[in-house]
Protein backbone atom coordinates (compact mmCIF):
# COMPACT_ATOMS: atom_id res chain seq x y z
CA GLU A 1 4.36 -0.17 13.98
CA TRP A 2 6.89 2.00 12.20
CA GLN A 3 10.35 1.11 13.38
CA GLY A 4 13.65 2.93 13.19
CA LYS A 5 12.48 6.51 13.62
CA VAL A 6 13.55 7.17 17.19
CA ASN A 7 16.69 5.79 18.81
CA ALA A 8 17.32 5.05 22.48
CA THR A 9 18.12 8.70 23.27
CA ASN A 10 14.87 9.77 21.59
CA LYS A 11 16.69 11.56 18.74
CA LYS A 12 15.02 11.47 15.38
CA ILE A 13 16.89 9.47 12.79
CA ASN A 14 16.41 9.16 9.05
CA MET A 15 13.53 7.21 7.60
CA SER A 16 14.79 6.41 4.14
CA TYR A 17 12.90 5.09 1.14
CA PHE A 18 13.80 1.58 2.26
CA LYS A 19 12.34 2.15 5.70
CA LEU A 20 9.27 3.78 4.12
CA ILE A 21 8.43 0.74 2.01
CA ASN A 22 9.22 -1.62 4.88
CA GLY A 23 6.93 0.40 7.16
CA ILE A 24 4.15 0.06 4.59
CA LYS A 25 4.90 -3.67 4.22
CA ASP A 26 4.89 -4.18 8.00
CA THR A 27 1.55 -2.39 8.30
CA LEU A 28 0.06 -4.57 5.56
CA ARG A 29 1.40 -7.68 7.30
CA THR A 30 -0.69 -6.93 10.39
CA ASP A 31 -3.71 -8.13 8.40
CA ALA A 32 -3.70 -11.94 8.33
CA ARG A 33 -5.80 -11.92 5.16
CA VAL A 34 -2.88 -10.47 3.14
CA ILE A 35 -0.75 -13.42 2.04
CA THR A 36 1.66 -11.91 -0.51
CA ILE A 37 3.24 -8.43 -0.56
CA THR A 38 5.17 -7.17 -3.58
CA GLU A 39 6.76 -3.86 -4.55
CA GLY A 40 7.56 -2.11 -7.82
CA TYR A 41 5.94 -0.66 -10.90
CA VAL A 42 2.36 -1.57 -11.72
CA ASP A 43 3.40 -3.88 -14.56
CA ARG A 44 5.16 -6.04 -11.96
CA VAL A 45 1.90 -6.96 -10.22
CA ASP A 46 1.85 -10.74 -10.19
CA GLU A 47 4.49 -10.94 -12.93
CA TYR A 48 5.70 -14.26 -11.55
CA LYS A 49 2.19 -15.72 -11.68
CA GLN A 50 2.96 -17.57 -8.46
CA ASN A 51 1.77 -15.06 -5.89
CA ILE A 52 -0.88 -16.25 -3.49
CA PRO A 53 -3.88 -13.92 -3.13
CA ILE A 54 -4.98 -11.91 -1.24
CA MET A 55 -1.98 -9.86 -2.29
CA ALA A 56 -0.85 -6.27 -1.78
CA HIS A 57 1.40 -4.35 -4.14
CA ILE A 58 3.32 -1.20 -3.12
CA ILE A 59 4.28 1.51 -5.62
CA VAL A 60 6.28 4.59 -4.62
CA ASP A 61 6.62 6.59 -7.80
CA GLY A 62 7.81 10.15 -7.49
CA GLY A 63 7.34 12.95 -5.06
CA THR A 64 8.56 16.36 -4.04
CA VAL A 65 11.26 17.79 -1.80
CA GLU A 66 10.20 20.40 0.74
CA ASP A 67 13.19 21.59 2.78
CA ASN A 68 14.23 18.52 4.82
CA LEU A 69 11.03 16.63 3.97
CA ASN A 70 10.59 14.13 1.14
CA VAL A 71 6.94 13.85 0.14
CA TYR A 72 6.42 10.55 -1.67
CA GLY A 73 3.47 9.60 -3.86
CA VAL A 74 2.42 6.16 -2.66
CA GLU A 75 0.02 3.70 -4.21
CA VAL A 76 -1.05 0.49 -2.51
CA MET A 77 -3.14 -2.09 -4.32
CA VAL A 78 -4.90 -4.94 -2.54
CA LEU A 79 -6.00 -7.66 -4.94
CA ASP A 80 -7.66 -11.04 -4.89
CA ILE A 81 -8.43 -13.56 -7.58
CA VAL A 82 -11.84 -13.56 -9.23
CA SER A 83 -13.16 -17.05 -9.64
CA GLU A 84 -16.16 -18.15 -11.63
CA ASN A 85 -18.82 -20.52 -10.45
CA ASN A 86 -19.53 -23.27 -13.00
CA ASN A 87 -23.17 -23.43 -11.96
CA ILE A 88 -25.65 -21.58 -14.14
CA THR A 89 -27.29 -18.73 -12.26
CA VAL A 90 -30.29 -16.57 -13.03
CA GLU A 91 -29.11 -13.95 -10.51
CA LYS A 92 -27.93 -11.12 -12.76
CA PHE A 93 -26.89 -8.75 -9.94
CA LEU A 94 -24.44 -11.12 -8.28
CA GLY A 95 -23.35 -12.78 -11.49
CA ASN A 96 -21.53 -16.04 -11.77
CA ASP A 97 -18.34 -15.10 -9.91
CA ASN A 98 -17.06 -13.77 -6.59
CA LEU A 99 -16.25 -10.25 -7.86
CA GLN A 100 -18.46 -8.46 -5.31
CA GLU A 101 -16.88 -10.43 -2.47
CA VAL A 102 -13.42 -9.59 -3.80
CA TYR A 103 -14.25 -5.87 -3.87
CA ASN A 104 -15.81 -6.01 -0.40
CA ASN A 105 -12.89 -7.87 1.22
CA THR A 106 -10.14 -5.86 -0.44
CA ASP A 107 -11.95 -2.59 0.39
CA ASN A 108 -12.02 -3.60 4.04
CA ILE A 109 -8.32 -4.51 4.02
CA ILE A 110 -7.17 -1.31 2.29
CA ARG A 111 -9.22 0.96 4.57
CA ARG A 112 -7.90 -0.81 7.66
CA PHE A 113 -4.37 -0.45 6.29
CA PHE A 114 -4.77 3.31 5.85
CA MET A 115 -6.29 3.81 9.29
CA LEU A 116 -3.30 1.98 10.82
CA MET A 117 -0.88 4.03 8.70
CA ARG A 118 -2.46 7.26 9.89
CA ARG A 119 -2.43 6.12 13.53
CA ASN A 120 1.19 4.89 13.35
CA ALA A 121 2.33 8.13 11.70
CA GLU A 122 1.09 10.29 14.59
CA GLY A 123 3.98 11.38 16.75
CA GLN A 124 6.54 9.70 14.48
CA SER A 125 7.46 12.75 12.35
CA ILE A 126 5.72 11.14 9.40
CA TYR A 127 3.06 13.17 7.65
CA ILE A 128 0.07 11.89 5.73
CA ASP A 129 -0.48 14.73 3.28
CA GLY A 130 -4.16 15.33 2.46
CA GLN A 131 -6.86 12.76 1.93
CA PRO A 132 -6.25 9.47 0.15
CA THR A 133 -8.08 8.56 -3.03
CA PHE A 134 -9.06 5.08 -4.09
CA GLU A 135 -10.34 3.38 -7.19
CA LYS A 136 -11.26 -0.08 -8.35
CA VAL A 137 -8.72 -2.31 -10.01
CA GLU A 138 -10.65 -4.36 -12.51
CA GLU A 139 -9.66 -7.86 -13.44
CA GLU A 140 -9.07 -6.84 -17.06
CA GLU A 141 -6.20 -4.57 -15.91
CA THR A 142 -4.21 -7.37 -14.31
CA GLN A 143 -2.91 -10.80 -15.08
CA ASN A 144 -4.55 -13.86 -13.59
CA ARG A 145 -8.01 -12.29 -13.07
CA LEU A 146 -6.99 -10.18 -10.08
CA ALA A 147 -9.30 -7.40 -8.89
CA GLY A 148 -9.53 -5.12 -5.86
CA TRP A 149 -8.71 -1.55 -4.87
CA ARG A 150 -5.90 0.95 -5.45
CA LEU A 151 -5.29 3.52 -2.68
CA SER A 152 -3.21 6.61 -3.49
CA PHE A 153 -1.83 9.04 -0.92
CA ASN A 154 1.15 11.29 -0.21
CA ILE A 155 3.39 10.72 2.76
CA GLY A 156 6.05 13.11 4.05
CA VAL A 157 9.22 11.68 5.52
CA PRO A 158 11.84 13.89 7.16
CA SER A 159 15.50 13.79 6.14
CA PRO A 160 17.16 15.30 9.23
CA GLU A 161 20.61 13.95 8.31
CA ILE A 162 20.82 16.32 5.33
CA ASP A 163 22.58 19.50 6.36
CA VAL A 164 23.36 22.03 3.62
CA CYS A 165 25.91 23.72 5.90
CA VAL A 166 28.10 20.60 6.07
CA ASN A 167 30.13 19.39 3.11
CA PRO A 168 30.06 15.57 3.09
């Protein structure tokens, strides 16, 4: 659940960038299948080569300001390692690896994540703007044969502490 948005007297308080990414991280952590969570630009996905899949990577890269609302562009990737089977197979559809299982599992995780995000945002002065889009992340795009899904969406976060009538 998103924390830090309402204090004991039920007054809205700021949800900063830091609280935004921690709210996303906390939501991802509710899924026991996600082992590693990282944050940063896309080229930082598994840059240490020591992350344990299934992993999630959070990217907040840009946005807009609308009055006292910051609308962030968010991207969440859920990735797992593709492993090959050494046995020779004649099954051309499934192939000789677990790629279809990786796509199926990571699709399930990322959809569950977004449904929880939408539910947790209700009544919390957080706005999911529009419909999310998603696309495959192919193993050729990443290091260490990682594949899965990338979910992109916009999220509006109020900044009630900003008052243009008050000089800080």
